[in-house]
């Protein structure tokens, strides 16, 4: 098991006396007995991602916020400060494997913000980022099974709560599937889609759970 320390980059940026943008970027720092060199590489991955997000907020996003603040001040409209928030969640940490996802929330002053999710699963012995295929080593057709089960889960959800997915969800499920869009929990795998991929904003981030015992998974893959 890895020890995780939270690192944070945060600031409030001003235009004249107006706080136009606030950002908070959390990212993990790992220590492990599985492989110090691999931990160093993985830590650099998250440090680099956090720094790139900070550069983006302090340049492109700040510039956009300033332009919007100027426009709304000139036209006597209230200005809502922009916000960028990046938060990670560790979902699995056992032996030498860690899985996590990061939600990046961006608010541009409108009715609501938008969230984008990324995720990674790491083997700290090898430094390898595990793929979805690593959890289905004996099933070359695992993608077809996954997509079929996602459609089944949606059908069941629509029976209980209509209009929570787009009418053409079967084609969207396949067309917007991202093979990197998964994370691991102690009892199974979660596959997710981004907001608006297959459902309206009110549905949130669609997630689909696959218990290990119901999948053709190699039990050693989740270590």
C-alpha atoms as a PDB file:
ATOM      1  CA  UNK A   1       0.000   0.000   0.000  1.00  0.00           C
ATOM      2  CA  UNK A   2       1.186   3.503  -0.864  1.00  0.00           C
ATOM      3  CA  UNK A   3       1.225   6.528   1.428  1.00  0.00           C
ATOM      4  CA  UNK A   4      -0.391   9.561  -0.170  1.00  0.00           C
ATOM      5  CA  UNK A   5       0.289  13.197   0.647  1.00  0.00           C
ATOM      6  CA  UNK A   6      -1.896  15.936  -0.779  1.00  0.00           C
ATOM      7  CA  UNK A   7      -0.204  18.786  -2.660  1.00  0.00           C
ATOM      8  CA  UNK A   8      -2.028  22.007  -3.565  1.00  0.00           C
ATOM      9  CA  UNK A   9      -1.591  24.954  -5.907  1.00  0.00           C
ATOM     10  CA  UNK A  10      -4.021  27.791  -5.204  1.00  0.00           C
ATOM     11  CA  UNK A  11      -4.405  31.517  -5.769  1.00  0.00           C
ATOM     12  CA  UNK A  12      -6.909  34.303  -6.419  1.00  0.00           C
ATOM     13  CA  UNK A  13      -6.162  36.528  -9.401  1.00  0.00           C
ATOM     14  CA  UNK A  14      -7.362  40.141  -9.652  1.00  0.00           C
ATOM     15  CA  UNK A  15      -8.099  42.652 -12.351  1.00  0.00           C
ATOM     16  CA  UNK A  16      -7.837  46.082 -10.709  1.00  0.00           C
ATOM     17  CA  UNK A  17      -9.764  45.463  -7.480  1.00  0.00           C
ATOM     18  CA  UNK A  18     -11.965  42.663  -8.860  1.00  0.00           C
ATOM     19  CA  UNK A  19     -11.210  39.018  -7.930  1.00  0.00           C
ATOM     20  CA  UNK A  20     -11.808  37.575 -11.382  1.00  0.00           C
ATOM     21  CA  UNK A  21     -10.442  34.048 -10.974  1.00  0.00           C
ATOM     22  CA  UNK A  22      -9.804  31.598  -8.157  1.00  0.00           C
ATOM     23  CA  UNK A  23      -8.086  28.278  -8.687  1.00  0.00           C
ATOM     24  CA  UNK A  24      -7.313  25.334  -6.441  1.00  0.00           C
ATOM     25  CA  UNK A  25      -5.448  22.353  -7.843  1.00  0.00           C
ATOM     26  CA  UNK A  26      -4.953  19.289  -5.655  1.00  0.00           C
ATOM     27  CA  UNK A  27      -2.646  16.489  -6.719  1.00  0.00           C
ATOM     28  CA  UNK A  28      -1.168  13.413  -4.997  1.00  0.00           C
ATOM     29  CA  UNK A  29       2.377  12.691  -3.910  1.00  0.00           C
ATOM     30  CA  UNK A  30       3.156   9.006  -3.330  1.00  0.00           C
ATOM     31  CA  UNK A  31       5.683   7.188  -1.197  1.00  0.00           C
ATOM     32  CA  UNK A  32       5.961   3.422  -1.548  1.00  0.00           C
ATOM     33  CA  UNK A  33       8.130   0.432  -0.747  1.00  0.00           C
ATOM     34  CA  UNK A  34       7.193  -1.178  -4.084  1.00  0.00           C
ATOM     35  CA  UNK A  35       9.560   0.847  -6.226  1.00  0.00           C
ATOM     36  CA  UNK A  36      11.044   4.245  -5.293  1.00  0.00           C
ATOM     37  CA  UNK A  37      12.033   4.956  -8.893  1.00  0.00           C
ATOM     38  CA  UNK A  38       8.537   4.236 -10.190  1.00  0.00           C
ATOM     39  CA  UNK A  39       7.035   6.460  -7.479  1.00  0.00           C
ATOM     40  CA  UNK A  40       9.324   9.276  -8.601  1.00  0.00           C
ATOM     41  CA  UNK A  41       8.075   8.947 -12.202  1.00  0.00           C
ATOM     42  CA  UNK A  42       4.425   8.790 -11.165  1.00  0.00           C
ATOM     43  CA  UNK A  43       4.828  11.780  -8.851  1.00  0.00           C
ATOM     44  CA  UNK A  44       6.368  13.752 -11.701  1.00  0.00           C
ATOM     45  CA  UNK A  45       3.365  12.848 -13.859  1.00  0.00           C
ATOM     46  CA  UNK A  46       0.941  14.471 -11.405  1.00  0.00           C
ATOM     47  CA  UNK A  47       3.215  17.397 -10.642  1.00  0.00           C
ATOM     48  CA  UNK A  48       3.518  18.165 -14.345  1.00  0.00           C
ATOM     49  CA  UNK A  49      -0.247  17.895 -14.875  1.00  0.00           C
ATOM     50  CA  UNK A  50      -0.893  20.243 -11.956  1.00  0.00           C
ATOM     51  CA  UNK A  51       1.624  22.771 -13.225  1.00  0.00           C
ATOM     52  CA  UNK A  52       0.125  22.698 -16.721  1.00  0.00           C
ATOM     53  CA  UNK A  53      -3.308  23.362 -15.239  1.00  0.00           C
ATOM     54  CA  UNK A  54      -1.909  26.269 -13.255  1.00  0.00           C
ATOM     55  CA  UNK A  55      -0.287  27.753 -16.368  1.00  0.00           C
ATOM     56  CA  UNK A  56      -3.604  27.419 -18.204  1.00  0.00           C
ATOM     57  CA  UNK A  57      -5.575  29.152 -15.441  1.00  0.00           C
ATOM     58  CA  UNK A  58      -3.052  31.980 -15.008  1.00  0.00           C
ATOM     59  CA  UNK A  59      -2.830  32.666 -18.743  1.00  0.00           C
ATOM     60  CA  UNK A  60      -5.746  31.657 -20.988  1.00  0.00           C
ATOM     61  CA  UNK A  61      -8.463  31.402 -18.351  1.00  0.00           C
ATOM     62  CA  UNK A  62      -7.369  34.579 -16.556  1.00  0.00           C
ATOM     63  CA  UNK A  63      -7.331  36.500 -19.844  1.00  0.00           C
ATOM     64  CA  UNK A  64     -10.860  35.325 -20.609  1.00  0.00           C
ATOM     65  CA  UNK A  65     -12.043  36.278 -17.109  1.00  0.00           C
ATOM     66  CA  UNK A  66     -10.564  39.777 -17.419  1.00  0.00           C
ATOM     67  CA  UNK A  67     -12.253  40.338 -20.777  1.00  0.00           C
ATOM     68  CA  UNK A  68     -15.568  39.220 -19.342  1.00  0.00           C
ATOM     69  CA  UNK A  69     -15.142  41.420 -16.260  1.00  0.00           C
ATOM     70  CA  UNK A  70     -14.374  44.449 -18.461  1.00  0.00           C
ATOM     71  CA  UNK A  71     -17.382  43.809 -20.673  1.00  0.00           C
ATOM     72  CA  UNK A  72     -19.804  43.371 -17.808  1.00  0.00           C
ATOM     73  CA  UNK A  73     -18.468  46.417 -15.965  1.00  0.00           C
ATOM     74  CA  UNK A  74     -18.821  48.566 -19.099  1.00  0.00           C
ATOM     75  CA  UNK A  75     -22.378  47.317 -19.568  1.00  0.00           C
ATOM     76  CA  UNK A  76     -23.289  47.559 -15.882  1.00  0.00           C
ATOM     77  CA  UNK A  77     -23.822  43.812 -15.437  1.00  0.00           C
ATOM     78  CA  UNK A  78     -22.823  41.910 -12.293  1.00  0.00           C
ATOM     79  CA  UNK A  79     -19.706  39.792 -12.742  1.00  0.00           C
ATOM     80  CA  UNK A  80     -19.390  36.289 -11.291  1.00  0.00           C
ATOM     81  CA  UNK A  81     -15.807  35.308 -10.592  1.00  0.00           C
ATOM     82  CA  UNK A  82     -14.365  32.424 -12.609  1.00  0.00           C
ATOM     83  CA  UNK A  83     -13.261  29.283 -10.794  1.00  0.00           C
ATOM     84  CA  UNK A  84     -11.052  26.306 -11.582  1.00  0.00           C
ATOM     85  CA  UNK A  85     -11.003  23.406  -9.134  1.00  0.00           C
ATOM     86  CA  UNK A  86      -9.160  20.108  -9.546  1.00  0.00           C
ATOM     87  CA  UNK A  87      -9.791  17.378  -6.964  1.00  0.00           C
ATOM     88  CA  UNK A  88      -8.593  13.777  -7.043  1.00  0.00           C
ATOM     89  CA  UNK A  89     -10.122  10.754  -5.347  1.00  0.00           C
ATOM     90  CA  UNK A  90      -8.185   7.601  -4.481  1.00  0.00           C
ATOM     91  CA  UNK A  91     -10.480   4.653  -5.183  1.00  0.00           C
ATOM     92  CA  UNK A  92      -8.077   1.750  -4.741  1.00  0.00           C
ATOM     93  CA  UNK A  93      -4.804   1.452  -2.813  1.00  0.00           C
ATOM     94  CA  UNK A  94      -3.686  -2.080  -2.073  1.00  0.00           C
ATOM     95  CA  UNK A  95      -0.296  -3.800  -2.251  1.00  0.00           C
ATOM     96  CA  UNK A  96       1.421  -2.058  -5.189  1.00  0.00           C
ATOM     97  CA  UNK A  97      -1.601  -0.857  -7.153  1.00  0.00           C
ATOM     98  CA  UNK A  98      -3.305   2.541  -6.903  1.00  0.00           C
ATOM     99  CA  UNK A  99      -6.329   3.734  -8.840  1.00  0.00           C
ATOM    100  CA  UNK A 100      -7.710   7.271  -8.777  1.00  0.00           C
ATOM    101  CA  UNK A 101      -9.741   9.773 -10.725  1.00  0.00           C
ATOM    102  CA  UNK A 102      -9.494  13.554 -10.966  1.00  0.00           C
ATOM    103  CA  UNK A 103     -12.460  15.850 -11.489  1.00  0.00           C
ATOM    104  CA  UNK A 104     -11.671  19.263 -12.972  1.00  0.00           C
ATOM    105  CA  UNK A 105     -14.465  21.763 -12.434  1.00  0.00           C
ATOM    106  CA  UNK A 106     -14.525  24.991 -14.424  1.00  0.00           C
ATOM    107  CA  UNK A 107     -16.994  27.790 -13.732  1.00  0.00           C
ATOM    108  CA  UNK A 108     -17.179  30.626 -16.261  1.00  0.00           C
ATOM    109  CA  UNK A 109     -19.804  32.785 -14.588  1.00  0.00           C
ATOM    110  CA  UNK A 110     -22.880  31.147 -16.112  1.00  0.00           C
ATOM    111  CA  UNK A 111     -25.727  29.129 -14.672  1.00  0.00           C
ATOM    112  CA  UNK A 112     -23.432  26.258 -13.719  1.00  0.00           C
ATOM    113  CA  UNK A 113     -19.920  24.993 -14.252  1.00  0.00           C
ATOM    114  CA  UNK A 114     -18.717  21.899 -16.073  1.00  0.00           C
ATOM    115  CA  UNK A 115     -16.695  18.969 -14.800  1.00  0.00           C
ATOM    116  CA  UNK A 116     -14.254  16.842 -16.777  1.00  0.00           C
ATOM    117  CA  UNK A 117     -12.882  13.584 -15.366  1.00  0.00           C
ATOM    118  CA  UNK A 118      -9.626  11.750 -15.983  1.00  0.00           C
ATOM    119  CA  UNK A 119      -8.333   8.609 -14.269  1.00  0.00           C
ATOM    120  CA  UNK A 120      -5.285   6.400 -13.922  1.00  0.00           C
ATOM    121  CA  UNK A 121      -4.475   3.016 -12.410  1.00  0.00           C
ATOM    122  CA  UNK A 122      -0.815   2.381 -11.587  1.00  0.00           C
ATOM    123  CA  UNK A 123       1.329  -0.640 -10.803  1.00  0.00           C
ATOM    124  CA  UNK A 124       4.033   0.754  -8.508  1.00  0.00           C
ATOM    125  CA  UNK A 125       6.239  -2.305  -8.982  1.00  0.00           C
ATOM    126  CA  UNK A 126       6.686  -1.713 -12.683  1.00  0.00           C
ATOM    127  CA  UNK A 127       5.609   1.915 -13.044  1.00  0.00           C
ATOM    128  CA  UNK A 128       3.127   0.765 -15.690  1.00  0.00           C
ATOM    129  CA  UNK A 129      -0.215   2.466 -16.128  1.00  0.00           C
ATOM    130  CA  UNK A 130      -2.703  -0.404 -16.200  1.00  0.00           C
ATOM    131  CA  UNK A 131      -5.218  -0.522 -19.036  1.00  0.00           C
ATOM    132  CA  UNK A 132      -8.734  -1.880 -19.152  1.00  0.00           C
ATOM    133  CA  UNK A 133      -7.453  -4.771 -21.271  1.00  0.00           C
ATOM    134  CA  UNK A 134      -5.127  -5.771 -18.404  1.00  0.00           C
ATOM    135  CA  UNK A 135      -8.234  -6.698 -16.410  1.00  0.00           C
ATOM    136  CA  UNK A 136      -9.607  -8.877 -19.214  1.00  0.00           C
ATOM    137  CA  UNK A 137      -6.515 -10.876 -20.252  1.00  0.00           C
ATOM    138  CA  UNK A 138      -8.453 -13.920 -21.436  1.00  0.00           C
ATOM    139  CA  UNK A 139     -11.286 -12.184 -23.265  1.00  0.00           C
ATOM    140  CA  UNK A 140     -10.390 -10.600 -26.623  1.00  0.00           C
ATOM    141  CA  UNK A 141     -14.067  -9.600 -27.042  1.00  0.00           C
ATOM    142  CA  UNK A 142     -14.327  -7.805 -23.698  1.00  0.00           C
ATOM    143  CA  UNK A 143     -15.273  -4.491 -25.332  1.00  0.00           C
ATOM    144  CA  UNK A 144     -18.455  -5.932 -26.831  1.00  0.00           C
ATOM    145  CA  UNK A 145     -19.442  -7.383 -23.454  1.00  0.00           C
ATOM    146  CA  UNK A 146     -18.816  -4.075 -21.687  1.00  0.00           C
ATOM    147  CA  UNK A 147     -20.855  -2.029 -24.156  1.00  0.00           C
ATOM    148  CA  UNK A 148     -23.722  -4.514 -24.035  1.00  0.00           C
ATOM    149  CA  UNK A 149     -23.809  -4.391 -20.248  1.00  0.00           C
ATOM    150  CA  UNK A 150     -23.691  -0.581 -20.190  1.00  0.00           C
ATOM    151  CA  UNK A 151     -26.742  -0.527 -22.472  1.00  0.00           C
ATOM    152  CA  UNK A 152     -28.463  -3.024 -20.199  1.00  0.00           C
ATOM    153  CA  UNK A 153     -27.785  -0.888 -17.128  1.00  0.00           C
ATOM    154  CA  UNK A 154     -29.115   2.219 -18.881  1.00  0.00           C
ATOM    155  CA  UNK A 155     -32.286   0.395 -19.931  1.00  0.00           C
ATOM    156  CA  UNK A 156     -32.908  -0.580 -16.307  1.00  0.00           C
ATOM    157  CA  UNK A 157     -32.286   2.986 -15.125  1.00  0.00           C
ATOM    158  CA  UNK A 158     -34.656   4.452 -17.698  1.00  0.00           C
ATOM    159  CA  UNK A 159     -37.416   2.150 -16.508  1.00  0.00           C
ATOM    160  CA  UNK A 160     -37.086   3.663 -13.031  1.00  0.00           C
ATOM    161  CA  UNK A 161     -36.311   7.236 -14.093  1.00  0.00           C
ATOM    162  CA  UNK A 162     -37.239   8.185 -17.690  1.00  0.00           C
ATOM    163  CA  UNK A 163     -35.449  10.965 -19.608  1.00  0.00           C
ATOM    164  CA  UNK A 164     -32.187  10.578 -17.692  1.00  0.00           C
ATOM    165  CA  UNK A 165     -30.335   9.525 -20.872  1.00  0.00           C
ATOM    166  CA  UNK A 166     -30.494  10.784 -24.438  1.00  0.00           C
ATOM    167  CA  UNK A 167     -32.863   8.923 -26.774  1.00  0.00           C
ATOM    168  CA  UNK A 168     -30.003   7.808 -29.028  1.00  0.00           C
ATOM    169  CA  UNK A 169     -27.923   6.525 -26.116  1.00  0.00           C
ATOM    170  CA  UNK A 170     -27.018   3.157 -27.781  1.00  0.00           C
ATOM    171  CA  UNK A 171     -25.047   4.890 -30.531  1.00  0.00           C
ATOM    172  CA  UNK A 172     -23.624   7.443 -28.071  1.00  0.00           C
ATOM    173  CA  UNK A 173     -22.491   4.724 -25.669  1.00  0.00           C
ATOM    174  CA  UNK A 174     -20.381   3.208 -28.431  1.00  0.00           C
ATOM    175  CA  UNK A 175     -19.299   6.433 -30.131  1.00  0.00           C
ATOM    176  CA  UNK A 176     -18.221   8.225 -26.948  1.00  0.00           C
ATOM    177  CA  UNK A 177     -16.655   5.250 -25.204  1.00  0.00           C
ATOM    178  CA  UNK A 178     -13.180   6.078 -23.891  1.00  0.00           C
ATOM    179  CA  UNK A 179     -11.082   3.026 -23.109  1.00  0.00           C
ATOM    180  CA  UNK A 180      -9.114   5.093 -20.561  1.00  0.00           C
ATOM    181  CA  UNK A 181     -12.308   6.194 -18.812  1.00  0.00           C
ATOM    182  CA  UNK A 182     -12.284   3.760 -15.891  1.00  0.00           C
ATOM    183  CA  UNK A 183     -11.058   3.368 -12.348  1.00  0.00           C
ATOM    184  CA  UNK A 184     -10.776   0.440  -9.959  1.00  0.00           C
ATOM    185  CA  UNK A 185     -12.489  -0.093  -6.616  1.00  0.00           C
ATOM    186  CA  UNK A 186     -11.848  -2.936  -4.148  1.00  0.00           C
ATOM    187  CA  UNK A 187     -14.809  -4.907  -5.487  1.00  0.00           C
ATOM    188  CA  UNK A 188     -14.841  -4.039  -9.186  1.00  0.00           C
ATOM    189  CA  UNK A 189     -14.334  -1.609 -12.037  1.00  0.00           C
ATOM    190  CA  UNK A 190     -16.212   1.634 -12.709  1.00  0.00           C
ATOM    191  CA  UNK A 191     -16.515   2.874 -16.296  1.00  0.00           C
ATOM    192  CA  UNK A 192     -17.636   6.466 -16.714  1.00  0.00           C
ATOM    193  CA  UNK A 193     -18.643   8.914 -19.420  1.00  0.00           C
ATOM    194  CA  UNK A 194     -18.185  12.682 -19.454  1.00  0.00           C
ATOM    195  CA  UNK A 195     -21.044  15.102 -18.919  1.00  0.00           C
ATOM    196  CA  UNK A 196     -23.256  15.374 -22.016  1.00  0.00           C
ATOM    197  CA  UNK A 197     -21.668  12.293 -23.656  1.00  0.00           C
ATOM    198  CA  UNK A 198     -24.734  10.098 -23.267  1.00  0.00           C
ATOM    199  CA  UNK A 199     -27.014  12.022 -20.912  1.00  0.00           C
ATOM    200  CA  UNK A 200     -28.170  15.554 -20.041  1.00  0.00           C
ATOM    201  CA  UNK A 201     -26.358  17.688 -17.469  1.00  0.00           C
ATOM    202  CA  UNK A 202     -28.914  16.832 -14.789  1.00  0.00           C
ATOM    203  CA  UNK A 203     -27.839  13.175 -14.874  1.00  0.00           C
ATOM    204  CA  UNK A 204     -24.327  14.105 -13.797  1.00  0.00           C
ATOM    205  CA  UNK A 205     -21.332  11.939 -14.592  1.00  0.00           C
ATOM    206  CA  UNK A 206     -22.726   8.573 -15.794  1.00  0.00           C
ATOM    207  CA  UNK A 207     -20.988   5.631 -14.114  1.00  0.00           C
ATOM    208  CA  UNK A 208     -21.334   1.899 -14.665  1.00  0.00           C
ATOM    209  CA  UNK A 209     -20.114  -0.642 -12.146  1.00  0.00           C
ATOM    210  CA  UNK A 210     -18.731  -4.069 -13.058  1.00  0.00           C
ATOM    211  CA  UNK A 211     -18.192  -6.334 -10.004  1.00  0.00           C
ATOM    212  CA  UNK A 212     -15.134  -8.520 -10.266  1.00  0.00           C
ATOM    213  CA  UNK A 213     -17.150 -11.681  -9.650  1.00  0.00           C
ATOM    214  CA  UNK A 214     -19.442 -10.876 -12.587  1.00  0.00           C
ATOM    215  CA  UNK A 215     -16.620 -10.244 -15.043  1.00  0.00           C
ATOM    216  CA  UNK A 216     -14.127 -12.445 -16.835  1.00  0.00           C
ATOM    217  CA  UNK A 217     -11.407 -10.731 -14.869  1.00  0.00           C
ATOM    218  CA  UNK A 218      -8.070 -12.135 -13.873  1.00  0.00           C
ATOM    219  CA  UNK A 219      -8.201 -11.941 -10.072  1.00  0.00           C
ATOM    220  CA  UNK A 220      -4.460 -11.311  -9.981  1.00  0.00           C
ATOM    221  CA  UNK A 221      -4.794  -8.186 -12.130  1.00  0.00           C
ATOM    222  CA  UNK A 222      -6.055  -6.069  -9.241  1.00  0.00           C
ATOM    223  CA  UNK A 223      -3.376  -7.446  -6.988  1.00  0.00           C
END
